[in-house]
Amino acid sequence: MISTFKSALACENRRTRLVWILLFLLLNEVKWIHTEESITILSGTCGDMYDAEYYESVSVQYDGSDVLYDNPCSVEFYKASNDHYLCVSGKEIKLDCDTVLEYHDGFVKNYIPPEKKMLCNSTFLDEWCPSQYQDNIYVVIRKPQRSTSDVIRLHVYLKEVPDNDEDSFPTRIILVSVLPAVIIIIISVVVMCIRLKVAHTYGRQSNVAYQTTSGTVNIQGGSPYPTTQPPLGQGGKQQFSGPQGNYNVHTMQTAYPVQGNSAFGQNYSSAAPSNTASLPPPYESVSGMKH
């Protein structure tokens, strides 16, 4: 009987401890959900950087009683993912007329207008979210180095990008319209280069130049080779080598093939010029006349 009572009491104690553990975890979870991180802008925090993906949602506040020795005083929030917007909105904003509150994206702009600007007579609590591809924003306070009556309560947070995001629609339009044109241009350039290369190669293979004593003669159908110009021999003839045989060129621009194949694939036998009247007299006859 006693052992049964002890067993029941031990079981009840374990059950009670389990209930307390569950309540403790539940209370901590509720506290974590409802507790929001808070950042206070002070003179010593100007220029600080905060990871918005770590905080997800953070309250930024400033009281004008704190003198800011940096003018402007800025704090930066950044993110790495493009799945969320990095946004800021106002909870409570009361500005002294010597104070300016600004929102910047990318970098702090001193000589060009910021993305959002508030003065003492033009404050707003509206949400401001730059593009989802903008990975950092700045909260900037400009004021003289003295105490003021400013009260600034802001909310910086990440906002999920919906699937049908309108910001990505222009990007899709640009890609759809530009990509085909780029592909066509690339294909045209490649085809043009191929045609120029083929034409250049064909031109080198089809043009053969023969040099005579009176000029250059071009003959089609050969292959490229180095042309030599031997000195004029007896009878005013010039001999040079071609791709398919040897050629003799007369001073009267008469070219005839010697033993071998011509440039057009026909065989010719060796031949001499038929007109011998133009040849100079023999040396012996000239020397005999002098004696």
Protein backbone atom coordinates (compact mmCIF):
# COMPACT_ATOMS: atom_id res chain seq x y z
CA MET A 1 0.00 0.00 0.00
CA ILE A 2 2.79 2.39 0.91
CA SER A 3 4.76 1.55 -2.26
CA THR A 4 1.69 2.20 -4.39
CA PHE A 5 1.19 5.61 -2.75
CA LYS A 6 4.86 6.51 -3.31
CA SER A 7 4.62 5.54 -6.98
CA ALA A 8 1.51 7.68 -7.45
CA LEU A 9 3.15 10.63 -5.68
CA ALA A 10 6.30 10.38 -7.83
CA CYS A 11 4.18 10.24 -10.98
CA GLU A 12 2.24 13.32 -9.85
CA ASN A 13 5.48 15.20 -9.15
CA ARG A 14 6.82 14.41 -12.61
CA ARG A 15 3.57 15.57 -14.16
CA THR A 16 3.70 18.83 -12.20
CA ARG A 17 7.29 19.52 -13.23
CA LEU A 18 6.40 18.87 -16.88
CA VAL A 19 3.49 21.33 -16.68
CA TRP A 20 5.76 24.01 -15.20
CA ILE A 21 8.35 23.46 -17.91
CA LEU A 22 5.71 23.81 -20.62
CA LEU A 23 4.35 27.00 -19.04
CA PHE A 24 7.84 28.47 -18.80
CA LEU A 25 8.56 27.77 -22.46
CA LEU A 26 5.20 29.21 -23.50
CA LEU A 27 5.73 32.41 -21.54
CA ASN A 28 9.21 32.88 -23.03
CA GLU A 29 7.79 32.38 -26.52
CA VAL A 30 5.06 34.95 -25.94
CA LYS A 31 7.59 37.40 -24.52
CA TRP A 32 9.85 36.89 -27.55
CA ILE A 33 6.97 37.53 -29.93
CA HIS A 34 5.83 40.76 -28.29
CA THR A 35 9.22 42.17 -27.37
CA GLU A 36 10.77 44.42 -30.04
CA GLU A 37 14.38 45.42 -30.13
CA SER A 38 15.05 49.09 -29.57
CA ILE A 39 17.89 51.31 -30.80
CA THR A 40 18.43 54.77 -29.33
CA ILE A 41 20.24 57.35 -31.40
CA LEU A 42 22.83 59.08 -29.26
CA SER A 43 25.88 61.18 -29.96
CA GLY A 44 28.03 58.06 -29.58
CA THR A 45 25.94 55.92 -31.96
CA CYS A 46 26.18 58.18 -35.02
CA GLY A 47 27.62 56.14 -37.90
CA ASP A 48 26.62 52.76 -36.44
CA MET A 49 25.48 49.93 -38.74
CA TYR A 50 22.76 47.37 -37.94
CA ASP A 51 21.91 44.08 -39.63
CA ALA A 52 18.20 44.30 -40.42
CA GLU A 53 17.99 40.56 -41.08
CA TYR A 54 19.19 39.92 -37.54
CA TYR A 55 16.65 42.26 -35.97
CA GLU A 56 13.84 41.76 -38.54
CA SER A 57 11.91 44.48 -36.68
CA VAL A 58 13.48 47.21 -34.57
CA SER A 59 12.37 50.47 -32.97
CA VAL A 60 14.58 53.52 -33.53
CA GLN A 61 14.16 56.50 -31.20
CA TYR A 62 15.74 59.84 -30.49
CA ASP A 63 15.06 62.52 -27.89
CA GLY A 64 16.10 66.04 -28.70
CA SER A 65 17.56 66.54 -25.25
CA ASP A 66 20.63 64.59 -26.35
CA VAL A 67 23.12 66.83 -28.12
CA LEU A 68 24.39 65.34 -31.39
CA TYR A 69 27.93 66.46 -32.09
CA ASP A 70 27.89 64.91 -35.58
CA ASN A 71 25.92 66.87 -38.13
CA PRO A 72 24.51 65.01 -39.89
CA CYS A 73 24.10 62.04 -37.54
CA SER A 74 23.18 58.86 -39.39
CA VAL A 75 22.55 55.18 -38.60
CA GLU A 76 22.58 52.52 -41.31
CA PHE A 77 20.45 49.38 -41.71
CA TYR A 78 21.44 46.76 -44.26
CA LYS A 79 20.36 43.38 -45.59
CA ALA A 80 21.81 40.73 -47.92
CA SER A 81 18.72 39.04 -49.35
CA ASN A 82 16.44 40.36 -52.11
CA ASP A 83 13.44 38.43 -50.80
CA HIS A 84 12.38 41.32 -48.56
CA TYR A 85 11.98 45.06 -48.68
CA LEU A 86 13.88 47.10 -46.12
CA CYS A 87 11.28 49.57 -44.85
CA VAL A 88 10.90 52.38 -42.32
CA SER A 89 7.77 54.02 -40.98
CA GLY A 90 6.99 56.54 -38.26
CA LYS A 91 5.36 55.88 -34.91
CA GLU A 92 5.71 59.38 -33.47
CA ILE A 93 7.58 62.31 -35.02
CA LYS A 94 7.76 65.82 -33.52
CA LEU A 95 10.54 68.01 -34.85
CA ASP A 96 11.97 71.31 -33.71
CA CYS A 97 12.15 73.83 -36.55
CA ASP A 98 15.95 73.59 -36.50
CA THR A 99 15.86 69.81 -36.98
CA VAL A 100 15.59 67.85 -40.22
CA LEU A 101 14.83 64.11 -40.45
CA GLU A 102 15.78 62.29 -43.68
CA TYR A 103 15.61 58.81 -45.20
CA HIS A 104 18.36 57.83 -47.67
CA ASP A 105 19.05 54.70 -49.70
CA GLY A 106 22.48 53.60 -50.88
CA PHE A 107 24.46 56.41 -49.23
CA VAL A 108 24.01 59.67 -47.35
CA LYS A 109 23.45 62.46 -49.86
CA ASN A 110 24.71 65.86 -48.77
CA TYR A 111 24.47 67.77 -52.03
CA ILE A 112 21.45 66.18 -53.70
CA PRO A 113 17.92 65.74 -52.30
CA PRO A 114 17.32 62.66 -50.14
CA GLU A 115 14.60 60.12 -50.84
CA LYS A 116 12.45 61.43 -47.95
CA LYS A 117 12.76 64.64 -45.95
CA MET A 118 10.76 65.96 -42.99
CA LEU A 119 10.69 69.39 -41.38
CA CYS A 120 8.85 70.72 -38.35
CA ASN A 121 5.80 71.60 -40.46
CA SER A 122 5.89 68.61 -42.81
CA THR A 123 6.17 65.36 -40.90
CA PHE A 124 4.52 62.07 -41.87
CA LEU A 125 4.29 58.54 -40.54
CA ASP A 126 3.90 56.82 -43.92
CA GLU A 127 5.79 53.66 -44.75
CA TRP A 128 8.78 54.07 -47.05
CA CYS A 129 10.29 51.04 -48.81
CA PRO A 130 12.91 51.39 -51.56
CA SER A 131 13.38 48.70 -54.19
CA GLN A 132 13.79 45.14 -53.01
CA TYR A 133 17.27 45.20 -54.59
CA GLN A 134 18.34 48.14 -52.43
CA ASP A 135 20.32 46.56 -49.63
CA ASN A 136 20.77 49.48 -47.22
CA ILE A 137 19.00 52.57 -45.92
CA TYR A 138 20.00 55.45 -43.64
CA VAL A 139 18.11 57.39 -40.99
CA VAL A 140 19.68 60.85 -40.87
CA ILE A 141 19.16 63.66 -38.34
CA ARG A 142 20.46 67.15 -39.05
CA LYS A 143 20.33 69.64 -36.18
CA PRO A 144 22.50 72.21 -34.38
CA GLN A 145 24.66 71.16 -31.46
CA ARG A 146 22.19 72.00 -28.71
CA SER A 147 19.20 70.48 -26.95
CA THR A 148 15.90 70.58 -28.80
CA SER A 149 12.34 69.38 -28.27
CA ASP A 150 12.51 66.61 -30.87
CA VAL A 151 10.68 63.31 -30.36
CA ILE A 152 11.39 60.66 -32.98
CA ARG A 153 10.01 57.10 -32.85
CA LEU A 154 10.56 55.03 -35.98
CA HIS A 155 9.98 51.42 -36.98
CA VAL A 156 12.57 49.72 -39.22
CA TYR A 157 11.62 46.26 -40.46
CA LEU A 158 11.75 43.72 -43.28
CA LYS A 159 8.71 43.28 -45.50
CA GLU A 160 8.28 40.17 -47.62
CA VAL A 161 8.15 40.65 -51.38
CA PRO A 162 4.92 39.20 -52.86
CA ASP A 163 5.09 36.83 -55.82
CA ASN A 164 3.27 39.24 -58.11
CA ASP A 165 5.55 42.12 -57.26
CA GLU A 166 5.03 45.06 -59.60
CA ASP A 167 8.66 46.19 -59.28
CA SER A 168 9.82 43.10 -61.15
CA PHE A 169 7.33 43.64 -64.01
CA PRO A 170 9.40 46.34 -65.81
CA THR A 171 12.46 44.13 -65.46
CA ARG A 172 10.66 41.25 -67.14
CA ILE A 173 9.49 43.55 -69.93
CA ILE A 174 13.05 44.79 -70.52
CA LEU A 175 14.43 41.26 -70.60
CA VAL A 176 11.74 40.01 -72.99
CA SER A 177 12.21 42.95 -75.37
CA VAL A 178 16.01 43.31 -75.28
CA LEU A 179 17.15 39.68 -75.11
CA PRO A 180 15.93 38.67 -78.63
CA ALA A 181 17.57 41.76 -80.16
CA VAL A 182 20.87 40.96 -78.45
CA ILE A 183 20.71 37.36 -79.72
CA ILE A 184 20.00 38.55 -83.29
CA ILE A 185 22.94 41.00 -83.15
CA ILE A 186 25.30 38.30 -81.92
CA ILE A 187 24.21 35.85 -84.64
CA SER A 188 24.59 38.55 -87.33
CA VAL A 189 28.11 39.40 -86.18
CA VAL A 190 29.12 35.72 -86.16
CA VAL A 191 27.70 35.15 -89.68
CA MET A 192 29.44 38.29 -90.99
CA CYS A 193 32.77 37.19 -89.53
CA ILE A 194 32.41 33.73 -91.11
CA ARG A 195 31.60 35.23 -94.53
CA LEU A 196 34.56 37.62 -94.37
CA LYS A 197 36.89 34.80 -93.41
CA VAL A 198 35.65 32.58 -96.27
CA ALA A 199 35.93 35.42 -98.79
CA HIS A 200 39.45 36.25 -97.64
CA THR A 201 40.55 32.60 -97.87
CA TYR A 202 38.99 32.16 -101.33
CA GLY A 203 40.63 35.35 -102.58
CA ARG A 204 44.06 34.19 -101.48
CA GLN A 205 43.59 30.83 -103.18
CA SER A 206 42.18 32.18 -106.47
CA ASN A 207 44.53 35.12 -107.25
CA VAL A 208 48.03 34.42 -108.64
CA ALA A 209 50.16 37.31 -109.92
CA TYR A 210 52.76 36.90 -112.65
CA GLN A 211 55.34 39.63 -113.17
CA THR A 212 56.47 40.49 -116.71
CA THR A 213 58.87 43.12 -117.91
CA SER A 214 55.98 45.40 -118.82
CA GLY A 215 53.72 44.93 -115.80
CA THR A 216 51.84 42.42 -113.68
CA VAL A 217 49.50 39.77 -115.09
CA ASN A 218 46.88 38.19 -112.79
CA ILE A 219 45.73 34.65 -113.57
CA GLN A 220 42.77 33.06 -111.77
CA GLY A 221 42.66 29.47 -110.58
CA GLY A 222 45.98 28.91 -108.83
CA SER A 223 46.97 28.59 -105.22
CA PRO A 224 49.13 31.07 -103.32
CA TYR A 225 52.88 30.65 -103.70
CA PRO A 226 55.95 32.92 -103.58
CA THR A 227 56.76 34.48 -106.96
CA THR A 228 60.38 34.98 -107.95
CA GLN A 229 61.52 37.36 -110.65
CA PRO A 230 64.75 36.02 -112.26
CA PRO A 231 66.91 38.37 -114.34
CA LEU A 232 66.32 38.68 -118.08
CA GLY A 233 68.18 35.99 -120.03
CA GLN A 234 69.26 35.77 -123.62
CA GLY A 235 66.54 36.64 -126.06
CA GLY A 236 64.69 38.87 -123.60
CA LYS A 237 63.00 35.95 -121.84
CA GLN A 238 62.04 35.64 -118.19
CA GLN A 239 61.41 32.31 -116.45
CA PHE A 240 59.61 31.74 -113.14
CA SER A 241 57.88 28.94 -111.31
CA GLY A 242 54.15 28.45 -110.92
CA PRO A 243 52.11 26.06 -108.82
CA GLN A 244 51.78 23.55 -111.66
CA GLY A 245 54.82 24.13 -113.90
CA ASN A 246 57.39 26.61 -115.22
CA TYR A 247 56.58 29.56 -117.49
CA ASN A 248 58.63 31.70 -119.87
CA VAL A 249 57.60 35.30 -120.40
CA HIS A 250 58.86 37.17 -123.50
CA THR A 251 59.58 40.87 -123.48
CA MET A 252 56.61 41.38 -125.80
CA GLN A 253 54.34 40.11 -122.98
CA THR A 254 54.06 36.71 -124.63
CA ALA A 255 53.88 34.04 -121.93
CA TYR A 256 54.03 30.38 -122.91
CA PRO A 257 54.34 27.26 -120.72
CA VAL A 258 57.37 24.99 -120.74
CA GLN A 259 57.38 21.28 -119.90
CA GLY A 260 54.75 20.69 -117.21
CA ASN A 261 51.12 21.52 -116.42
CA SER A 262 49.58 24.93 -116.95
CA ALA A 263 47.50 26.77 -114.41
CA PHE A 264 44.36 25.45 -116.14
CA GLY A 265 45.35 21.78 -116.01
CA GLN A 266 46.46 21.27 -119.70
CA ASN A 267 49.80 19.75 -120.75
CA TYR A 268 52.05 21.65 -123.16
CA SER A 269 55.41 20.77 -124.70
CA SER A 270 58.41 23.04 -124.69
CA ALA A 271 58.37 25.63 -127.46
CA ALA A 272 60.49 28.60 -128.50
CA PRO A 273 59.33 31.94 -129.89
CA SER A 274 58.43 31.65 -133.59
CA ASN A 275 59.66 35.12 -134.46
CA THR A 276 63.47 34.92 -134.71
CA ALA A 277 63.91 38.07 -136.77
CA SER A 278 64.04 40.20 -133.69
CA LEU A 279 66.98 38.26 -132.17
CA PRO A 280 70.42 40.02 -132.17
CA PRO A 281 73.15 38.79 -134.61
CA PRO A 282 75.75 36.28 -133.38
CA TYR A 283 78.87 37.57 -131.71
CA GLU A 284 81.21 35.84 -134.23
CA SER A 285 79.72 37.75 -137.20
CA VAL A 286 80.14 41.03 -135.48
CA SER A 287 83.76 40.32 -134.44
CA GLY A 288 84.65 39.11 -138.00
CA MET A 289 83.48 42.33 -139.53
CA LYS A 290 85.80 44.29 -137.25
CA HIS A 291 88.91 42.30 -138.34
